[in-house]
Every structure is written in structure tokens, then in C-alpha cells.
Amino acid sequence: MLVPDPKVVRRLLTRYASLRIAQAERETPTRARELADVSHTLCVLTGTTGIHEAIARADALLAGGNAPDPDGESGLSLAG
């Protein structure tokens, strides 16, 4: 699995958290769409199919750990 840029991951996690808070305070169709878009992007970036797994994998990547890969690969970067 290729390892995404930590700056991009951190930015997406921050955006996801901000949108979740904003949506909880006041739901709007625009925020819902943005939240869905950010959630999808996090899933694609982390190679997952659900937002909870994507967040866990993103957190592990930022912490420097290798999150488990559902395909059984090591999670090592090709840029090693």
C-alpha cells in the first residue's frame, strides 16, 4: 500500500472533524455533501470502505504505525 502524505491526511481529518461539529450544531444539505465528500476521500486515501476504519488507519499513519491492511500487505511505502 502506498502511504499518503501526512499533511494531506491531517488536513482531511481536521476538515472531517470540523464538518462533523458544524453538522451536529446545525444540519445543512451543503455540510452534509461536504462531509460525504471528505469521508469518501479519506476512505479512498486510506484504502478503506468505511469512515471509522479510515479514521483509524489515518490516525495510525500519523502516529507512525502501520495500520492493518485488509489485503494482507505490509503497509510499507514504496518510497522506502
PDB file of N, CA and C in Angstrom:
ATOM      1  N   MET A   1       0.841  -1.177   0.000  1.00  0.00           N
ATOM      2  CA  MET A   1       0.000   0.000   0.000  1.00  0.00           C
ATOM      3  C   MET A   1       0.886   1.240   0.000  1.00  0.00           C
ATOM      4  N   LEU A   2       0.572   2.195  -0.829  1.00  0.00           N
ATOM      5  CA  LEU A   2       1.284   3.470  -0.815  1.00  0.00           C
ATOM      6  C   LEU A   2       0.857   4.264   0.412  1.00  0.00           C
ATOM      7  N   VAL A   3       1.772   4.963   0.992  1.00  0.00           N
ATOM      8  CA  VAL A   3       1.474   5.760   2.182  1.00  0.00           C
ATOM      9  C   VAL A   3       1.188   7.193   1.763  1.00  0.00           C
ATOM     10  N   PRO A   4      -0.002   7.704   2.124  1.00  0.00           N
ATOM     11  CA  PRO A   4      -0.344   9.076   1.738  1.00  0.00           C
ATOM     12  C   PRO A   4       0.474  10.111   2.516  1.00  0.00           C
ATOM     13  N   ASP A   5       0.562  11.297   1.955  1.00  0.00           N
ATOM     14  CA  ASP A   5       1.268  12.407   2.583  1.00  0.00           C
ATOM     15  C   ASP A   5       0.591  12.749   3.917  1.00  0.00           C
ATOM     16  N   PRO A   6       1.335  12.740   5.021  1.00  0.00           N
ATOM     17  CA  PRO A   6       0.749  13.042   6.329  1.00  0.00           C
ATOM     18  C   PRO A   6       0.059  14.407   6.390  1.00  0.00           C
ATOM     19  N   LYS A   7       0.580  15.390   5.651  1.00  0.00           N
ATOM     20  CA  LYS A   7      -0.051  16.719   5.649  1.00  0.00           C
ATOM     21  C   LYS A   7      -1.457  16.651   5.065  1.00  0.00           C
ATOM     22  N   VAL A   8      -1.620  15.859   4.015  1.00  0.00           N
ATOM     23  CA  VAL A   8      -2.935  15.703   3.383  1.00  0.00           C
ATOM     24  C   VAL A   8      -3.872  14.967   4.331  1.00  0.00           C
ATOM     25  N   VAL A   9      -3.375  13.919   4.951  1.00  0.00           N
ATOM     26  CA  VAL A   9      -4.191  13.138   5.894  1.00  0.00           C
ATOM     27  C   VAL A   9      -4.637  14.019   7.054  1.00  0.00           C
ATOM     28  N   ARG A  10      -3.720  14.769   7.605  1.00  0.00           N
ATOM     29  CA  ARG A  10      -4.037  15.648   8.745  1.00  0.00           C
ATOM     30  C   ARG A  10      -5.069  16.701   8.350  1.00  0.00           C
ATOM     31  N   ARG A  11      -4.906  17.269   7.159  1.00  0.00           N
ATOM     32  CA  ARG A  11      -5.851  18.283   6.681  1.00  0.00           C
ATOM     33  C   ARG A  11      -7.258  17.687   6.513  1.00  0.00           C
ATOM     34  N   LEU A  12      -7.328  16.484   5.950  1.00  0.00           N
ATOM     35  CA  LEU A  12      -8.631  15.831   5.762  1.00  0.00           C
ATOM     36  C   LEU A  12      -9.280  15.465   7.090  1.00  0.00           C
ATOM     37  N   LEU A  13      -8.491  14.970   8.044  1.00  0.00           N
ATOM     38  CA  LEU A  13      -9.041  14.644   9.358  1.00  0.00           C
ATOM     39  C   LEU A  13      -9.568  15.897  10.055  1.00  0.00           C
ATOM     40  N   THR A  14      -8.827  16.980   9.934  1.00  0.00           N
ATOM     41  CA  THR A  14      -9.271  18.245  10.533  1.00  0.00           C
ATOM     42  C   THR A  14     -10.558  18.724   9.886  1.00  0.00           C
ATOM     43  N   ARG A  15     -10.618  18.651   8.575  1.00  0.00           N
ATOM     44  CA  ARG A  15     -11.831  19.064   7.849  1.00  0.00           C
ATOM     45  C   ARG A  15     -13.013  18.178   8.226  1.00  0.00           C
ATOM     46  N   TYR A  16     -12.774  16.870   8.315  1.00  0.00           N
ATOM     47  CA  TYR A  16     -13.831  15.931   8.695  1.00  0.00           C
ATOM     48  C   TYR A  16     -14.380  16.284  10.092  1.00  0.00           C
ATOM     49  N   ALA A  17     -13.481  16.507  11.050  1.00  0.00           N
ATOM     50  CA  ALA A  17     -13.900  16.834  12.412  1.00  0.00           C
ATOM     51  C   ALA A  17     -14.674  18.151  12.455  1.00  0.00           C
ATOM     52  N   SER A  18     -14.193  19.140  11.745  1.00  0.00           N
ATOM     53  CA  SER A  18     -14.876  20.445  11.712  1.00  0.00           C
ATOM     54  C   SER A  18     -16.279  20.325  11.130  1.00  0.00           C
ATOM     55  N   LEU A  19     -16.391  19.553  10.057  1.00  0.00           N
ATOM     56  CA  LEU A  19     -17.704  19.368   9.436  1.00  0.00           C
ATOM     57  C   LEU A  19     -18.656  18.578  10.329  1.00  0.00           C
ATOM     58  N   ARG A  20     -18.133  17.584  11.028  1.00  0.00           N
ATOM     59  CA  ARG A  20     -18.985  16.815  11.946  1.00  0.00           C
ATOM     60  C   ARG A  20     -19.538  17.717  13.048  1.00  0.00           C
ATOM     61  N   ILE A  21     -18.685  18.575  13.585  1.00  0.00           N
ATOM     62  CA  ILE A  21     -19.114  19.503  14.635  1.00  0.00           C
ATOM     63  C   ILE A  21     -20.143  20.476  14.083  1.00  0.00           C
ATOM     64  N   ALA A  22     -19.858  21.070  12.939  1.00  0.00           N
ATOM     65  CA  ALA A  22     -20.769  22.034  12.325  1.00  0.00           C
ATOM     66  C   ALA A  22     -22.108  21.380  11.999  1.00  0.00           C
ATOM     67  N   GLN A  23     -22.068  20.163  11.500  1.00  0.00           N
ATOM     68  CA  GLN A  23     -23.301  19.456  11.141  1.00  0.00           C
ATOM     69  C   GLN A  23     -24.109  19.113  12.390  1.00  0.00           C
ATOM     70  N   ALA A  24     -23.423  18.788  13.479  1.00  0.00           N
ATOM     71  CA  ALA A  24     -24.121  18.492  14.734  1.00  0.00           C
ATOM     72  C   ALA A  24     -24.791  19.746  15.304  1.00  0.00           C
ATOM     73  N   GLU A  25     -24.152  20.880  15.118  1.00  0.00           N
ATOM     74  CA  GLU A  25     -24.712  22.136  15.611  1.00  0.00           C
ATOM     75  C   GLU A  25     -25.902  22.595  14.776  1.00  0.00           C
ATOM     76  N   ARG A  26     -25.775  22.429  13.463  1.00  0.00           N
ATOM     77  CA  ARG A  26     -26.849  22.841  12.560  1.00  0.00           C
ATOM     78  C   ARG A  26     -26.712  22.094  11.238  1.00  0.00           C
ATOM     79  N   GLU A  27     -27.621  21.196  10.996  1.00  0.00           N
ATOM     80  CA  GLU A  27     -27.570  20.397   9.774  1.00  0.00           C
ATOM     81  C   GLU A  27     -27.966  21.229   8.562  1.00  0.00           C
ATOM     82  N   THR A  28     -27.160  21.105   7.515  1.00  0.00           N
ATOM     83  CA  THR A  28     -27.485  21.740   6.244  1.00  0.00           C
ATOM     84  C   THR A  28     -27.135  20.765   5.118  1.00  0.00           C
ATOM     85  N   PRO A  29     -27.830  20.863   4.005  1.00  0.00           N
ATOM     86  CA  PRO A  29     -27.503  19.994   2.871  1.00  0.00           C
ATOM     87  C   PRO A  29     -26.077  20.193   2.360  1.00  0.00           C
ATOM     88  N   THR A  30     -25.613  21.427   2.387  1.00  0.00           N
ATOM     89  CA  THR A  30     -24.256  21.719   1.919  1.00  0.00           C
ATOM     90  C   THR A  30     -23.225  21.029   2.790  1.00  0.00           C
ATOM     91  N   ARG A  31     -23.382  21.149   4.111  1.00  0.00           N
ATOM     92  CA  ARG A  31     -22.444  20.490   5.027  1.00  0.00           C
ATOM     93  C   ARG A  31     -22.511  18.973   4.873  1.00  0.00           C
ATOM     94  N   ALA A  32     -23.707  18.456   4.698  1.00  0.00           N
ATOM     95  CA  ALA A  32     -23.859  17.005   4.529  1.00  0.00           C
ATOM     96  C   ALA A  32     -23.104  16.528   3.292  1.00  0.00           C
ATOM     97  N   ARG A  33     -23.194  17.276   2.206  1.00  0.00           N
ATOM     98  CA  ARG A  33     -22.476  16.935   0.979  1.00  0.00           C
ATOM     99  C   ARG A  33     -20.965  17.018   1.183  1.00  0.00           C
ATOM    100  N   GLU A  34     -20.526  18.093   1.834  1.00  0.00           N
ATOM    101  CA  GLU A  34     -19.093  18.256   2.091  1.00  0.00           C
ATOM    102  C   GLU A  34     -18.569  17.138   2.985  1.00  0.00           C
ATOM    103  N   LEU A  35     -19.356  16.778   3.998  1.00  0.00           N
ATOM    104  CA  LEU A  35     -18.967  15.701   4.902  1.00  0.00           C
ATOM    105  C   LEU A  35     -18.877  14.372   4.148  1.00  0.00           C
ATOM    106  N   ALA A  36     -19.819  14.119   3.273  1.00  0.00           N
ATOM    107  CA  ALA A  36     -19.790  12.899   2.464  1.00  0.00           C
ATOM    108  C   ALA A  36     -18.560  12.892   1.554  1.00  0.00           C
ATOM    109  N   ASP A  37     -18.238  14.034   0.966  1.00  0.00           N
ATOM    110  CA  ASP A  37     -17.072  14.134   0.085  1.00  0.00           C
ATOM    111  C   ASP A  37     -15.767  13.880   0.843  1.00  0.00           C
ATOM    112  N   VAL A  38     -15.626  14.509   2.001  1.00  0.00           N
ATOM    113  CA  VAL A  38     -14.414  14.333   2.802  1.00  0.00           C
ATOM    114  C   VAL A  38     -14.317  12.890   3.292  1.00  0.00           C
ATOM    115  N   SER A  39     -15.434  12.316   3.694  1.00  0.00           N
ATOM    116  CA  SER A  39     -15.451  10.922   4.149  1.00  0.00           C
ATOM    117  C   SER A  39     -15.003   9.991   3.029  1.00  0.00           C
ATOM    118  N   HIS A  40     -15.527  10.214   1.847  1.00  0.00           N
ATOM    119  CA  HIS A  40     -15.157   9.393   0.692  1.00  0.00           C
ATOM    120  C   HIS A  40     -13.668   9.536   0.386  1.00  0.00           C
ATOM    121  N   THR A  41     -13.171  10.754   0.416  1.00  0.00           N
ATOM    122  CA  THR A  41     -11.760  10.997   0.131  1.00  0.00           C
ATOM    123  C   THR A  41     -10.868  10.302   1.158  1.00  0.00           C
ATOM    124  N   LEU A  42     -11.235  10.364   2.425  1.00  0.00           N
ATOM    125  CA  LEU A  42     -10.461   9.676   3.457  1.00  0.00           C
ATOM    126  C   LEU A  42     -10.450   8.168   3.225  1.00  0.00           C
ATOM    127  N   CYS A  43     -11.589   7.623   2.846  1.00  0.00           N
ATOM    128  CA  CYS A  43     -11.667   6.187   2.566  1.00  0.00           C
ATOM    129  C   CYS A  43     -10.770   5.807   1.392  1.00  0.00           C
ATOM    130  N   VAL A  44     -10.826   6.578   0.328  1.00  0.00           N
ATOM    131  CA  VAL A  44     -10.004   6.292  -0.848  1.00  0.00           C
ATOM    132  C   VAL A  44      -8.525   6.420  -0.494  1.00  0.00           C
ATOM    133  N   LEU A  45      -8.173   7.471   0.202  1.00  0.00           N
ATOM    134  CA  LEU A  45      -6.783   7.737   0.556  1.00  0.00           C
ATOM    135  C   LEU A  45      -6.195   6.643   1.450  1.00  0.00           C
ATOM    136  N   THR A  46      -7.025   6.084   2.326  1.00  0.00           N
ATOM    137  CA  THR A  46      -6.537   5.070   3.262  1.00  0.00           C
ATOM    138  C   THR A  46      -6.823   3.647   2.794  1.00  0.00           C
ATOM    139  N   GLY A  47      -7.500   3.506   1.661  1.00  0.00           N
ATOM    140  CA  GLY A  47      -7.787   2.178   1.138  1.00  0.00           C
ATOM    141  C   GLY A  47      -8.807   1.415   1.953  1.00  0.00           C
ATOM    142  N   THR A  48      -9.782   2.129   2.502  1.00  0.00           N
ATOM    143  CA  THR A  48     -10.803   1.502   3.337  1.00  0.00           C
ATOM    144  C   THR A  48     -12.185   1.718   2.720  1.00  0.00           C
ATOM    145  N   THR A  49     -13.177   1.049   3.299  1.00  0.00           N
ATOM    146  CA  THR A  49     -14.534   1.182   2.779  1.00  0.00           C
ATOM    147  C   THR A  49     -15.481   1.885   3.737  1.00  0.00           C
ATOM    148  N   GLY A  50     -15.030   2.185   4.933  1.00  0.00           N
ATOM    149  CA  GLY A  50     -15.882   2.871   5.900  1.00  0.00           C
ATOM    150  C   GLY A  50     -15.120   3.958   6.626  1.00  0.00           C
ATOM    151  N   ILE A  51     -15.839   4.991   7.037  1.00  0.00           N
ATOM    152  CA  ILE A  51     -15.187   6.154   7.637  1.00  0.00           C
ATOM    153  C   ILE A  51     -14.510   5.833   8.963  1.00  0.00           C
ATOM    154  N   HIS A  52     -15.092   4.953   9.762  1.00  0.00           N
ATOM    155  CA  HIS A  52     -14.470   4.626  11.054  1.00  0.00           C
ATOM    156  C   HIS A  52     -13.129   3.924  10.851  1.00  0.00           C
ATOM    157  N   GLU A  53     -13.085   3.010   9.889  1.00  0.00           N
ATOM    158  CA  GLU A  53     -11.834   2.332   9.562  1.00  0.00           C
ATOM    159  C   GLU A  53     -10.838   3.322   8.949  1.00  0.00           C
ATOM    160  N   ALA A  54     -11.334   4.236   8.129  1.00  0.00           N
ATOM    161  CA  ALA A  54     -10.464   5.238   7.506  1.00  0.00           C
ATOM    162  C   ALA A  54      -9.826   6.132   8.563  1.00  0.00           C
ATOM    163  N   ILE A  55     -10.601   6.536   9.538  1.00  0.00           N
ATOM    164  CA  ILE A  55     -10.064   7.391  10.605  1.00  0.00           C
ATOM    165  C   ILE A  55      -9.026   6.627  11.419  1.00  0.00           C
ATOM    166  N   ALA A  56      -9.315   5.374  11.735  1.00  0.00           N
ATOM    167  CA  ALA A  56      -8.359   4.568  12.495  1.00  0.00           C
ATOM    168  C   ALA A  56      -7.059   4.400  11.718  1.00  0.00           C
ATOM    169  N   ARG A  57      -7.161   4.130  10.435  1.00  0.00           N
ATOM    170  CA  ARG A  57      -5.960   3.954   9.614  1.00  0.00           C
ATOM    171  C   ARG A  57      -5.204   5.273   9.486  1.00  0.00           C
ATOM    172  N   ALA A  58      -5.923   6.375   9.299  1.00  0.00           N
ATOM    173  CA  ALA A  58      -5.282   7.686   9.193  1.00  0.00           C
ATOM    174  C   ALA A  58      -4.560   8.032  10.494  1.00  0.00           C
ATOM    175  N   ASP A  59      -5.207   7.764  11.621  1.00  0.00           N
ATOM    176  CA  ASP A  59      -4.562   8.015  12.915  1.00  0.00           C
ATOM    177  C   ASP A  59      -3.289   7.193  13.065  1.00  0.00           C
ATOM    178  N   ALA A  60      -3.346   5.926  12.654  1.00  0.00           N
ATOM    179  CA  ALA A  60      -2.169   5.061  12.740  1.00  0.00           C
ATOM    180  C   ALA A  60      -1.052   5.567  11.827  1.00  0.00           C
ATOM    181  N   LEU A  61      -1.420   6.017  10.647  1.00  0.00           N
ATOM    182  CA  LEU A  61      -0.409   6.552   9.724  1.00  0.00           C
ATOM    183  C   LEU A  61       0.262   7.785  10.315  1.00  0.00           C
ATOM    184  N   LEU A  62      -0.521   8.662  10.929  1.00  0.00           N
ATOM    185  CA  LEU A  62       0.038   9.879  11.510  1.00  0.00           C
ATOM    186  C   LEU A  62       0.877   9.584  12.744  1.00  0.00           C
ATOM    187  N   ALA A  63       0.530   8.501  13.443  1.00  0.00           N
ATOM    188  CA  ALA A  63       1.289   8.121  14.631  1.00  0.00           C
ATOM    189  C   ALA A  63       2.574   7.379  14.262  1.00  0.00           C
ATOM    190  N   GLY A  64       2.733   7.083  12.966  1.00  0.00           N
ATOM    191  CA  GLY A  64       3.930   6.398  12.520  1.00  0.00           C
ATOM    192  C   GLY A  64       3.811   4.890  12.532  1.00  0.00           C
ATOM    193  N   GLY A  65       2.642   4.388  12.879  1.00  0.00           N
ATOM    194  CA  GLY A  65       2.433   2.944  12.888  1.00  0.00           C
ATOM    195  C   GLY A  65       1.860   2.473  11.584  1.00  0.00           C
ATOM    196  N   ASN A  66       1.974   1.207  11.329  1.00  0.00           N
ATOM    197  CA  ASN A  66       1.381   0.617  10.145  1.00  0.00           C
ATOM    198  C   ASN A  66       0.038   0.020  10.522  1.00  0.00           C
ATOM    199  N   ALA A  67      -1.010   0.574   9.983  1.00  0.00           N
ATOM    200  CA  ALA A  67      -2.347   0.046  10.233  1.00  0.00           C
ATOM    201  C   ALA A  67      -2.498  -1.276   9.509  1.00  0.00           C
ATOM    202  N   PRO A  68      -3.330  -2.172  10.047  1.00  0.00           N
ATOM    203  CA  PRO A  68      -3.534  -3.445   9.365  1.00  0.00           C
ATOM    204  C   PRO A  68      -4.115  -3.240   7.981  1.00  0.00           C
ATOM    205  N   ASP A  69      -3.626  -4.009   7.037  1.00  0.00           N
ATOM    206  CA  ASP A  69      -4.089  -3.934   5.654  1.00  0.00           C
ATOM    207  C   ASP A  69      -5.005  -5.098   5.382  1.00  0.00           C
ATOM    208  N   PRO A  70      -6.248  -4.819   4.940  1.00  0.00           N
ATOM    209  CA  PRO A  70      -7.188  -5.912   4.698  1.00  0.00           C
ATOM    210  C   PRO A  70      -6.731  -6.867   3.598  1.00  0.00           C
ATOM    211  N   ASP A  71      -5.795  -6.455   2.750  1.00  0.00           N
ATOM    212  CA  ASP A  71      -5.301  -7.325   1.682  1.00  0.00           C
ATOM    213  C   ASP A  71      -4.091  -8.142   2.130  1.00  0.00           C
ATOM    214  N   GLY A  72      -3.693  -7.960   3.385  1.00  0.00           N
ATOM    215  CA  GLY A  72      -2.581  -8.725   3.913  1.00  0.00           C
ATOM    216  C   GLY A  72      -1.219  -8.195   3.533  1.00  0.00           C
ATOM    217  N   GLU A  73      -1.146  -6.997   2.974  1.00  0.00           N
ATOM    218  CA  GLU A  73       0.145  -6.418   2.620  1.00  0.00           C
ATOM    219  C   GLU A  73       0.746  -5.742   3.830  1.00  0.00           C
ATOM    220  N   SER A  74       2.010  -5.459   3.762  1.00  0.00           N
ATOM    221  CA  SER A  74       2.739  -4.959   4.925  1.00  0.00           C
ATOM    222  C   SER A  74       2.443  -3.509   5.264  1.00  0.00           C
ATOM    223  N   GLY A  75       1.933  -2.717   4.334  1.00  0.00           N
ATOM    224  CA  GLY A  75       1.697  -1.320   4.595  1.00  0.00           C
ATOM    225  C   GLY A  75       2.944  -0.470   4.432  1.00  0.00           C
ATOM    226  N   LEU A  76       4.021  -1.039   3.908  1.00  0.00           N
ATOM    227  CA  LEU A  76       5.256  -0.295   3.727  1.00  0.00           C
ATOM    228  C   LEU A  76       5.180   0.596   2.502  1.00  0.00           C
ATOM    229  N   SER A  77       5.793   1.730   2.578  1.00  0.00           N
ATOM    230  CA  SER A  77       5.813   2.664   1.466  1.00  0.00           C
ATOM    231  C   SER A  77       6.773   2.189   0.384  1.00  0.00           C
ATOM    232  N   LEU A  78       6.424   2.447  -0.854  1.00  0.00           N
ATOM    233  CA  LEU A  78       7.303   2.121  -1.963  1.00  0.00           C
ATOM    234  C   LEU A  78       8.484   3.078  -2.031  1.00  0.00           C
ATOM    235  N   ALA A  79       8.398   4.183  -1.313  1.00  0.00           N
ATOM    236  CA  ALA A  79       9.460   5.196  -1.353  1.00  0.00           C
ATOM    237  C   ALA A  79      10.575   4.886  -0.365  1.00  0.00           C
ATOM    238  N   GLY A  80      10.546   3.718   0.274  1.00  0.00           N
ATOM    239  CA  GLY A  80      11.488   3.317   1.318  1.00  0.00           C
ATOM    240  C   GLY A  80      12.871   3.565   1.005  1.00  0.00           C
TER     241      GLY A  80
END
